[in-house]
């Protein structure tokens, strides 16, 4: 695992994508990365707009949507998890 910063996020997203490929191949789940939406604000400027979630899909017939977030802590507060 890399040291941190943007590299940590890229590593984590790569791990999610590799897992999603394996799950698709085994028929367990179909998880896809949501493309980052863009808004053209001028002919030479593009603004990245906030998307709703990073990933969406279906696991064993249940719809799922989640963000890929990393932390240096050992856990995340349960208030950050929504059903």
Protein backbone atom coordinates (compact mmCIF):
# COMPACT_ATOMS: atom_id res chain seq x y z
CA UNK A 1 0.00 0.00 0.00
CA UNK A 2 1.41 3.44 -0.88
CA UNK A 3 2.30 6.10 1.67
CA UNK A 4 -0.70 8.35 1.34
CA UNK A 5 -2.30 11.30 -0.39
CA UNK A 6 -3.57 10.89 -3.94
CA UNK A 7 -1.56 7.68 -4.35
CA UNK A 8 -3.51 6.05 -1.53
CA UNK A 9 -6.78 6.94 -3.26
CA UNK A 10 -5.57 5.56 -6.59
CA UNK A 11 -4.40 2.36 -4.92
CA UNK A 12 -7.77 1.94 -3.20
CA UNK A 13 -9.76 2.54 -6.40
CA UNK A 14 -7.52 0.06 -8.22
CA UNK A 15 -8.21 -2.54 -5.51
CA UNK A 16 -11.96 -1.92 -5.82
CA UNK A 17 -11.81 -2.28 -9.61
CA UNK A 18 -9.80 -5.53 -9.43
CA UNK A 19 -12.31 -6.95 -6.94
CA UNK A 20 -15.24 -5.84 -9.12
CA UNK A 21 -13.73 -7.63 -12.14
CA UNK A 22 -13.39 -10.86 -10.12
CA UNK A 23 -16.96 -10.57 -8.78
CA UNK A 24 -18.33 -10.00 -12.32
CA UNK A 25 -16.42 -13.02 -13.63
CA UNK A 26 -17.85 -15.20 -10.84
CA UNK A 27 -21.39 -13.87 -11.20
CA UNK A 28 -21.38 -12.50 -7.64
CA UNK A 29 -21.83 -8.80 -8.38
CA UNK A 30 -21.78 -6.16 -11.08
CA UNK A 31 -20.06 -3.03 -9.73
CA UNK A 32 -19.11 -0.08 -11.95
CA UNK A 33 -17.29 3.20 -11.42
CA UNK A 34 -19.47 6.23 -11.99
CA UNK A 35 -17.80 8.62 -14.44
CA UNK A 36 -16.92 12.02 -13.01
CA UNK A 37 -19.40 14.52 -14.45
CA UNK A 38 -17.99 17.54 -16.26
CA UNK A 39 -19.50 20.88 -17.05
CA UNK A 40 -18.19 23.04 -19.87
CA UNK A 41 -17.98 26.60 -18.55
CA UNK A 42 -16.12 28.13 -21.50
CA UNK A 43 -14.63 26.87 -24.75
CA UNK A 44 -11.27 26.38 -22.99
CA UNK A 45 -12.37 25.57 -19.42
CA UNK A 46 -13.93 22.46 -17.95
CA UNK A 47 -15.26 22.25 -14.40
CA UNK A 48 -15.51 18.92 -12.62
CA UNK A 49 -18.82 18.75 -10.81
CA UNK A 50 -19.58 16.62 -7.80
CA UNK A 51 -21.08 13.22 -8.56
CA UNK A 52 -23.49 11.44 -6.25
CA UNK A 53 -21.38 8.32 -5.63
CA UNK A 54 -18.15 6.77 -6.91
CA UNK A 55 -19.50 3.25 -7.56
CA UNK A 56 -22.88 1.65 -8.21
CA UNK A 57 -24.14 -1.80 -9.05
CA UNK A 58 -25.92 -4.94 -7.92
CA UNK A 59 -24.77 -7.60 -5.44
CA UNK A 60 -26.88 -10.76 -5.25
CA UNK A 61 -29.94 -8.86 -6.50
CA UNK A 62 -29.52 -5.88 -4.16
CA UNK A 63 -28.71 -2.40 -5.46
CA UNK A 64 -25.58 -0.81 -3.98
CA UNK A 65 -23.95 2.59 -4.29
CA UNK A 66 -20.85 3.76 -2.44
CA UNK A 67 -17.99 6.23 -2.34
CA UNK A 68 -14.37 5.12 -2.29
CA UNK A 69 -12.86 6.87 0.71
CA UNK A 70 -9.66 6.14 2.57
CA UNK A 71 -8.61 6.97 6.10
CA UNK A 72 -5.50 6.55 8.17
CA UNK A 73 -7.66 5.53 11.12
CA UNK A 74 -8.62 1.96 12.02
CA UNK A 75 -12.35 2.57 11.62
CA UNK A 76 -14.93 5.03 10.35
CA UNK A 77 -17.84 6.41 12.38
CA UNK A 78 -21.06 4.47 11.79
CA UNK A 79 -22.83 7.80 11.10
CA UNK A 80 -20.91 7.78 7.78
CA UNK A 81 -22.60 4.53 6.70
CA UNK A 82 -26.11 4.84 5.25
CA UNK A 83 -28.55 2.09 4.32
